[in-house]
């Protein structure tokens, strides 16, 4: 039975106070001046994934590909869209793992437009710092703060954010969490 690697301890998510005015200023600034970085921030906000993962997502975006998902022991389309949202199988195992990326369906066109674009995540972080914008790492924390208010099961929220180090799951539980995440993200 396959098991997603996990820590032997539970890492508590530390709460940071996110300046929502700075978040709004950042999103307005990026929407007007840097559409690619705006896309990065949108995906991070809606999915809770790390900057390194969104950069990899855009760089390797191939929505029509069929991939083998080891934890499900089955094949899936990389991009699966529902009525209002999509999930994309990134299957990233370098550094921190990231499997599924959830985002609103409206972002598919922007992802298609920028698919294949390569950026260094450090460049994106330095850009935000130089321009006085909200740092990318805080979008994951903001997603957690919003998500825990609307998602009933924190394990589902951890799954959506690919916090596998905090989950101990088998193949069977992985499939359950995927279905539950689809249901929770829909609502």
C-alpha atoms as a PDB file:
ATOM      1  CA  UNK A   1       0.000   0.000   0.000  1.00  0.00           C
ATOM      2  CA  UNK A   2       1.420   3.375  -1.053  1.00  0.00           C
ATOM      3  CA  UNK A   3       1.554   6.127   1.540  1.00  0.00           C
ATOM      4  CA  UNK A   4       2.302   9.792   0.980  1.00  0.00           C
ATOM      5  CA  UNK A   5       5.474  10.617   2.943  1.00  0.00           C
ATOM      6  CA  UNK A   6       4.748  12.473   6.156  1.00  0.00           C
ATOM      7  CA  UNK A   7       6.462  13.985   9.134  1.00  0.00           C
ATOM      8  CA  UNK A   8       6.520  12.138  12.405  1.00  0.00           C
ATOM      9  CA  UNK A   9       5.081  15.255  14.015  1.00  0.00           C
ATOM     10  CA  UNK A  10       2.225  17.526  13.088  1.00  0.00           C
ATOM     11  CA  UNK A  11       3.398  20.940  12.012  1.00  0.00           C
ATOM     12  CA  UNK A  12       0.913  23.543  13.188  1.00  0.00           C
ATOM     13  CA  UNK A  13       0.107  26.305  10.740  1.00  0.00           C
ATOM     14  CA  UNK A  14       1.216  29.591  12.237  1.00  0.00           C
ATOM     15  CA  UNK A  15      -1.177  32.472  11.796  1.00  0.00           C
ATOM     16  CA  UNK A  16       0.121  35.678  10.289  1.00  0.00           C
ATOM     17  CA  UNK A  17      -1.873  38.864  10.077  1.00  0.00           C
ATOM     18  CA  UNK A  18      -2.305  39.577   6.381  1.00  0.00           C
ATOM     19  CA  UNK A  19      -2.881  43.199   5.416  1.00  0.00           C
ATOM     20  CA  UNK A  20      -5.938  42.938   3.141  1.00  0.00           C
ATOM     21  CA  UNK A  21      -5.467  46.506   1.901  1.00  0.00           C
ATOM     22  CA  UNK A  22      -1.959  45.567   0.760  1.00  0.00           C
ATOM     23  CA  UNK A  23      -3.380  42.433  -0.876  1.00  0.00           C
ATOM     24  CA  UNK A  24      -5.908  44.536  -2.820  1.00  0.00           C
ATOM     25  CA  UNK A  25      -3.213  47.082  -3.767  1.00  0.00           C
ATOM     26  CA  UNK A  26      -0.960  44.240  -4.929  1.00  0.00           C
ATOM     27  CA  UNK A  27      -3.639  42.621  -7.074  1.00  0.00           C
ATOM     28  CA  UNK A  28      -4.619  45.969  -8.655  1.00  0.00           C
ATOM     29  CA  UNK A  29      -0.969  46.800  -9.349  1.00  0.00           C
ATOM     30  CA  UNK A  30      -0.241  43.417 -10.947  1.00  0.00           C
ATOM     31  CA  UNK A  31      -3.475  43.394 -12.970  1.00  0.00           C
ATOM     32  CA  UNK A  32      -2.449  46.695 -14.569  1.00  0.00           C
ATOM     33  CA  UNK A  33       1.320  46.195 -14.899  1.00  0.00           C
ATOM     34  CA  UNK A  34       2.316  42.519 -14.969  1.00  0.00           C
ATOM     35  CA  UNK A  35      -0.266  40.010 -16.156  1.00  0.00           C
ATOM     36  CA  UNK A  36       1.965  36.942 -15.710  1.00  0.00           C
ATOM     37  CA  UNK A  37       2.683  37.767 -12.075  1.00  0.00           C
ATOM     38  CA  UNK A  38      -0.996  38.588 -11.642  1.00  0.00           C
ATOM     39  CA  UNK A  39      -1.762  35.060 -12.866  1.00  0.00           C
ATOM     40  CA  UNK A  40       0.749  33.634 -10.379  1.00  0.00           C
ATOM     41  CA  UNK A  41      -0.897  35.510  -7.524  1.00  0.00           C
ATOM     42  CA  UNK A  42      -4.409  34.497  -8.595  1.00  0.00           C
ATOM     43  CA  UNK A  43      -3.507  30.809  -8.744  1.00  0.00           C
ATOM     44  CA  UNK A  44      -1.734  31.006  -5.375  1.00  0.00           C
ATOM     45  CA  UNK A  45      -4.693  32.794  -3.822  1.00  0.00           C
ATOM     46  CA  UNK A  46      -7.289  30.335  -5.128  1.00  0.00           C
ATOM     47  CA  UNK A  47      -5.266  27.150  -4.602  1.00  0.00           C
ATOM     48  CA  UNK A  48      -2.986  27.818  -1.647  1.00  0.00           C
ATOM     49  CA  UNK A  49       0.038  26.404  -3.458  1.00  0.00           C
ATOM     50  CA  UNK A  50       3.565  27.741  -3.153  1.00  0.00           C
ATOM     51  CA  UNK A  51       5.202  30.128  -5.619  1.00  0.00           C
ATOM     52  CA  UNK A  52       7.599  27.401  -6.791  1.00  0.00           C
ATOM     53  CA  UNK A  53       4.590  25.252  -7.697  1.00  0.00           C
ATOM     54  CA  UNK A  54       2.693  27.918  -9.624  1.00  0.00           C
ATOM     55  CA  UNK A  55       5.854  28.781 -11.569  1.00  0.00           C
ATOM     56  CA  UNK A  56       6.245  25.070 -12.432  1.00  0.00           C
ATOM     57  CA  UNK A  57       2.533  24.842 -13.330  1.00  0.00           C
ATOM     58  CA  UNK A  58       2.741  27.685 -15.841  1.00  0.00           C
ATOM     59  CA  UNK A  59       6.081  26.488 -17.213  1.00  0.00           C
ATOM     60  CA  UNK A  60       4.888  22.899 -17.836  1.00  0.00           C
ATOM     61  CA  UNK A  61       1.197  23.592 -18.527  1.00  0.00           C
ATOM     62  CA  UNK A  62      -0.161  20.846 -20.809  1.00  0.00           C
ATOM     63  CA  UNK A  63      -3.911  20.513 -20.199  1.00  0.00           C
ATOM     64  CA  UNK A  64      -4.586  17.798 -22.791  1.00  0.00           C
ATOM     65  CA  UNK A  65      -2.064  15.334 -21.402  1.00  0.00           C
ATOM     66  CA  UNK A  66      -3.198  12.093 -19.756  1.00  0.00           C
ATOM     67  CA  UNK A  67      -1.055  11.171 -16.750  1.00  0.00           C
ATOM     68  CA  UNK A  68      -0.697   8.270 -14.362  1.00  0.00           C
ATOM     69  CA  UNK A  69      -1.499   9.344 -10.798  1.00  0.00           C
ATOM     70  CA  UNK A  70       0.435   6.948  -8.606  1.00  0.00           C
ATOM     71  CA  UNK A  71      -1.563   7.551  -5.421  1.00  0.00           C
ATOM     72  CA  UNK A  72      -4.816   6.721  -7.241  1.00  0.00           C
ATOM     73  CA  UNK A  73      -3.218   3.897  -9.245  1.00  0.00           C
ATOM     74  CA  UNK A  74      -5.130   5.238 -12.237  1.00  0.00           C
ATOM     75  CA  UNK A  75      -4.872   7.553 -15.213  1.00  0.00           C
ATOM     76  CA  UNK A  76      -6.366  11.032 -15.328  1.00  0.00           C
ATOM     77  CA  UNK A  77      -6.429  14.028 -17.598  1.00  0.00           C
ATOM     78  CA  UNK A  78      -4.052  16.656 -16.255  1.00  0.00           C
ATOM     79  CA  UNK A  79      -6.769  19.290 -16.421  1.00  0.00           C
ATOM     80  CA  UNK A  80     -10.185  18.305 -15.089  1.00  0.00           C
ATOM     81  CA  UNK A  81     -12.825  21.037 -15.211  1.00  0.00           C
ATOM     82  CA  UNK A  82     -16.171  21.104 -13.463  1.00  0.00           C
ATOM     83  CA  UNK A  83     -18.924  23.726 -13.688  1.00  0.00           C
ATOM     84  CA  UNK A  84     -17.100  26.541 -11.898  1.00  0.00           C
ATOM     85  CA  UNK A  85     -13.573  25.321 -11.157  1.00  0.00           C
ATOM     86  CA  UNK A  86     -10.780  23.154 -12.464  1.00  0.00           C
ATOM     87  CA  UNK A  87      -8.087  21.022 -10.922  1.00  0.00           C
ATOM     88  CA  UNK A  88      -4.780  20.387 -12.599  1.00  0.00           C
ATOM     89  CA  UNK A  89      -2.478  17.484 -11.785  1.00  0.00           C
ATOM     90  CA  UNK A  90       0.989  18.951 -11.320  1.00  0.00           C
ATOM     91  CA  UNK A  91       2.535  15.846  -9.747  1.00  0.00           C
ATOM     92  CA  UNK A  92       5.586  17.812  -8.601  1.00  0.00           C
ATOM     93  CA  UNK A  93       8.038  15.890  -6.417  1.00  0.00           C
ATOM     94  CA  UNK A  94      11.084  18.192  -6.364  1.00  0.00           C
ATOM     95  CA  UNK A  95      11.443  19.941  -3.010  1.00  0.00           C
ATOM     96  CA  UNK A  96       7.979  20.177  -1.443  1.00  0.00           C
ATOM     97  CA  UNK A  97       5.454  17.959  -3.248  1.00  0.00           C
ATOM     98  CA  UNK A  98       2.368  19.304  -5.001  1.00  0.00           C
ATOM     99  CA  UNK A  99      -0.227  17.107  -6.665  1.00  0.00           C
ATOM    100  CA  UNK A 100      -3.479  18.893  -7.533  1.00  0.00           C
ATOM    101  CA  UNK A 101      -3.889  22.621  -8.138  1.00  0.00           C
ATOM    102  CA  UNK A 102      -7.419  24.003  -7.753  1.00  0.00           C
ATOM    103  CA  UNK A 103      -8.486  27.253  -9.415  1.00  0.00           C
ATOM    104  CA  UNK A 104     -11.556  28.954 -10.962  1.00  0.00           C
ATOM    105  CA  UNK A 105     -12.412  27.971 -14.526  1.00  0.00           C
ATOM    106  CA  UNK A 106     -11.896  31.566 -15.693  1.00  0.00           C
ATOM    107  CA  UNK A 107      -8.138  31.185 -15.261  1.00  0.00           C
ATOM    108  CA  UNK A 108      -7.829  28.479 -17.946  1.00  0.00           C
ATOM    109  CA  UNK A 109      -7.501  31.071 -20.743  1.00  0.00           C
ATOM    110  CA  UNK A 110      -4.733  32.947 -18.931  1.00  0.00           C
ATOM    111  CA  UNK A 111      -2.938  29.677 -18.181  1.00  0.00           C
ATOM    112  CA  UNK A 112      -3.179  28.723 -21.864  1.00  0.00           C
ATOM    113  CA  UNK A 113      -1.858  32.144 -22.883  1.00  0.00           C
ATOM    114  CA  UNK A 114       1.189  31.924 -20.604  1.00  0.00           C
ATOM    115  CA  UNK A 115       1.700  28.154 -20.697  1.00  0.00           C
ATOM    116  CA  UNK A 116       5.360  27.385 -21.348  1.00  0.00           C
ATOM    117  CA  UNK A 117       6.577  30.673 -19.829  1.00  0.00           C
ATOM    118  CA  UNK A 118       9.552  30.112 -17.565  1.00  0.00           C
ATOM    119  CA  UNK A 119      10.398  32.401 -14.631  1.00  0.00           C
ATOM    120  CA  UNK A 120      12.649  32.037 -11.633  1.00  0.00           C
ATOM    121  CA  UNK A 121      10.601  32.221  -8.437  1.00  0.00           C
ATOM    122  CA  UNK A 122      13.310  34.365  -6.790  1.00  0.00           C
ATOM    123  CA  UNK A 123      12.819  36.987  -9.510  1.00  0.00           C
ATOM    124  CA  UNK A 124       9.094  37.102  -8.755  1.00  0.00           C
ATOM    125  CA  UNK A 125       9.739  37.479  -5.019  1.00  0.00           C
ATOM    126  CA  UNK A 126      12.305  40.230  -5.562  1.00  0.00           C
ATOM    127  CA  UNK A 127       9.897  42.064  -7.879  1.00  0.00           C
ATOM    128  CA  UNK A 128       7.227  42.041  -5.161  1.00  0.00           C
ATOM    129  CA  UNK A 129       9.721  43.253  -2.566  1.00  0.00           C
ATOM    130  CA  UNK A 130      11.061  46.058  -4.798  1.00  0.00           C
ATOM    131  CA  UNK A 131       7.558  47.282  -5.655  1.00  0.00           C
ATOM    132  CA  UNK A 132       6.318  47.132  -2.050  1.00  0.00           C
ATOM    133  CA  UNK A 133       3.771  44.408  -2.848  1.00  0.00           C
ATOM    134  CA  UNK A 134       2.480  41.584  -0.686  1.00  0.00           C
ATOM    135  CA  UNK A 135       5.119  38.849  -0.780  1.00  0.00           C
ATOM    136  CA  UNK A 136       4.024  35.681  -2.621  1.00  0.00           C
ATOM    137  CA  UNK A 137       4.518  33.442   0.429  1.00  0.00           C
ATOM    138  CA  UNK A 138       1.687  35.227   2.236  1.00  0.00           C
ATOM    139  CA  UNK A 139      -0.913  34.149  -0.324  1.00  0.00           C
ATOM    140  CA  UNK A 140      -0.658  30.566   0.928  1.00  0.00           C
ATOM    141  CA  UNK A 141      -1.237  31.826   4.466  1.00  0.00           C
ATOM    142  CA  UNK A 142      -4.167  33.977   3.307  1.00  0.00           C
ATOM    143  CA  UNK A 143      -5.690  30.964   1.539  1.00  0.00           C
ATOM    144  CA  UNK A 144      -5.382  28.947   4.759  1.00  0.00           C
ATOM    145  CA  UNK A 145      -7.075  31.670   6.820  1.00  0.00           C
ATOM    146  CA  UNK A 146      -9.982  31.960   4.377  1.00  0.00           C
ATOM    147  CA  UNK A 147     -10.162  28.215   3.731  1.00  0.00           C
ATOM    148  CA  UNK A 148     -10.458  27.154   7.339  1.00  0.00           C
ATOM    149  CA  UNK A 149     -13.599  29.308   7.611  1.00  0.00           C
ATOM    150  CA  UNK A 150     -15.345  27.599   4.696  1.00  0.00           C
ATOM    151  CA  UNK A 151     -13.900  24.064   4.485  1.00  0.00           C
ATOM    152  CA  UNK A 152     -15.362  21.764   7.149  1.00  0.00           C
ATOM    153  CA  UNK A 153     -12.520  19.233   7.315  1.00  0.00           C
ATOM    154  CA  UNK A 154      -9.017  20.632   7.773  1.00  0.00           C
ATOM    155  CA  UNK A 155      -7.549  17.484   6.191  1.00  0.00           C
ATOM    156  CA  UNK A 156      -9.375  18.415   2.986  1.00  0.00           C
ATOM    157  CA  UNK A 157      -7.901  21.915   3.171  1.00  0.00           C
ATOM    158  CA  UNK A 158      -4.451  20.410   3.766  1.00  0.00           C
ATOM    159  CA  UNK A 159      -4.992  18.186   0.721  1.00  0.00           C
ATOM    160  CA  UNK A 160      -6.020  21.168  -1.436  1.00  0.00           C
ATOM    161  CA  UNK A 161      -2.841  22.991  -0.363  1.00  0.00           C
ATOM    162  CA  UNK A 162      -0.709  19.834  -0.879  1.00  0.00           C
ATOM    163  CA  UNK A 163       0.338  19.832   2.785  1.00  0.00           C
ATOM    164  CA  UNK A 164       1.156  16.135   2.583  1.00  0.00           C
ATOM    165  CA  UNK A 165       3.655  16.340   5.425  1.00  0.00           C
ATOM    166  CA  UNK A 166       0.725  16.966   7.772  1.00  0.00           C
ATOM    167  CA  UNK A 167      -1.394  14.122   6.388  1.00  0.00           C
ATOM    168  CA  UNK A 168      -0.960  10.402   6.793  1.00  0.00           C
ATOM    169  CA  UNK A 169      -2.941   8.941   3.939  1.00  0.00           C
ATOM    170  CA  UNK A 170      -3.151   5.686   2.044  1.00  0.00           C
ATOM    171  CA  UNK A 171      -4.184   5.238  -1.601  1.00  0.00           C
ATOM    172  CA  UNK A 172      -7.773   4.683  -0.500  1.00  0.00           C
ATOM    173  CA  UNK A 173      -7.856   7.815   1.659  1.00  0.00           C
ATOM    174  CA  UNK A 174      -6.169   9.789  -1.143  1.00  0.00           C
ATOM    175  CA  UNK A 175      -9.113   9.033  -3.441  1.00  0.00           C
ATOM    176  CA  UNK A 176     -11.566   9.996  -0.701  1.00  0.00           C
ATOM    177  CA  UNK A 177      -9.756  13.275  -0.071  1.00  0.00           C
ATOM    178  CA  UNK A 178      -9.730  14.045  -3.797  1.00  0.00           C
ATOM    179  CA  UNK A 179     -13.512  13.570  -3.998  1.00  0.00           C
ATOM    180  CA  UNK A 180     -14.065  15.566  -0.802  1.00  0.00           C
ATOM    181  CA  UNK A 181     -11.801  18.362  -2.050  1.00  0.00           C
ATOM    182  CA  UNK A 182     -13.807  18.524  -5.296  1.00  0.00           C
ATOM    183  CA  UNK A 183     -17.026  18.823  -3.276  1.00  0.00           C
ATOM    184  CA  UNK A 184     -15.660  21.389  -0.813  1.00  0.00           C
ATOM    185  CA  UNK A 185     -14.022  23.526  -3.516  1.00  0.00           C
ATOM    186  CA  UNK A 186     -17.306  23.596  -5.423  1.00  0.00           C
ATOM    187  CA  UNK A 187     -19.153  25.145  -2.478  1.00  0.00           C
END
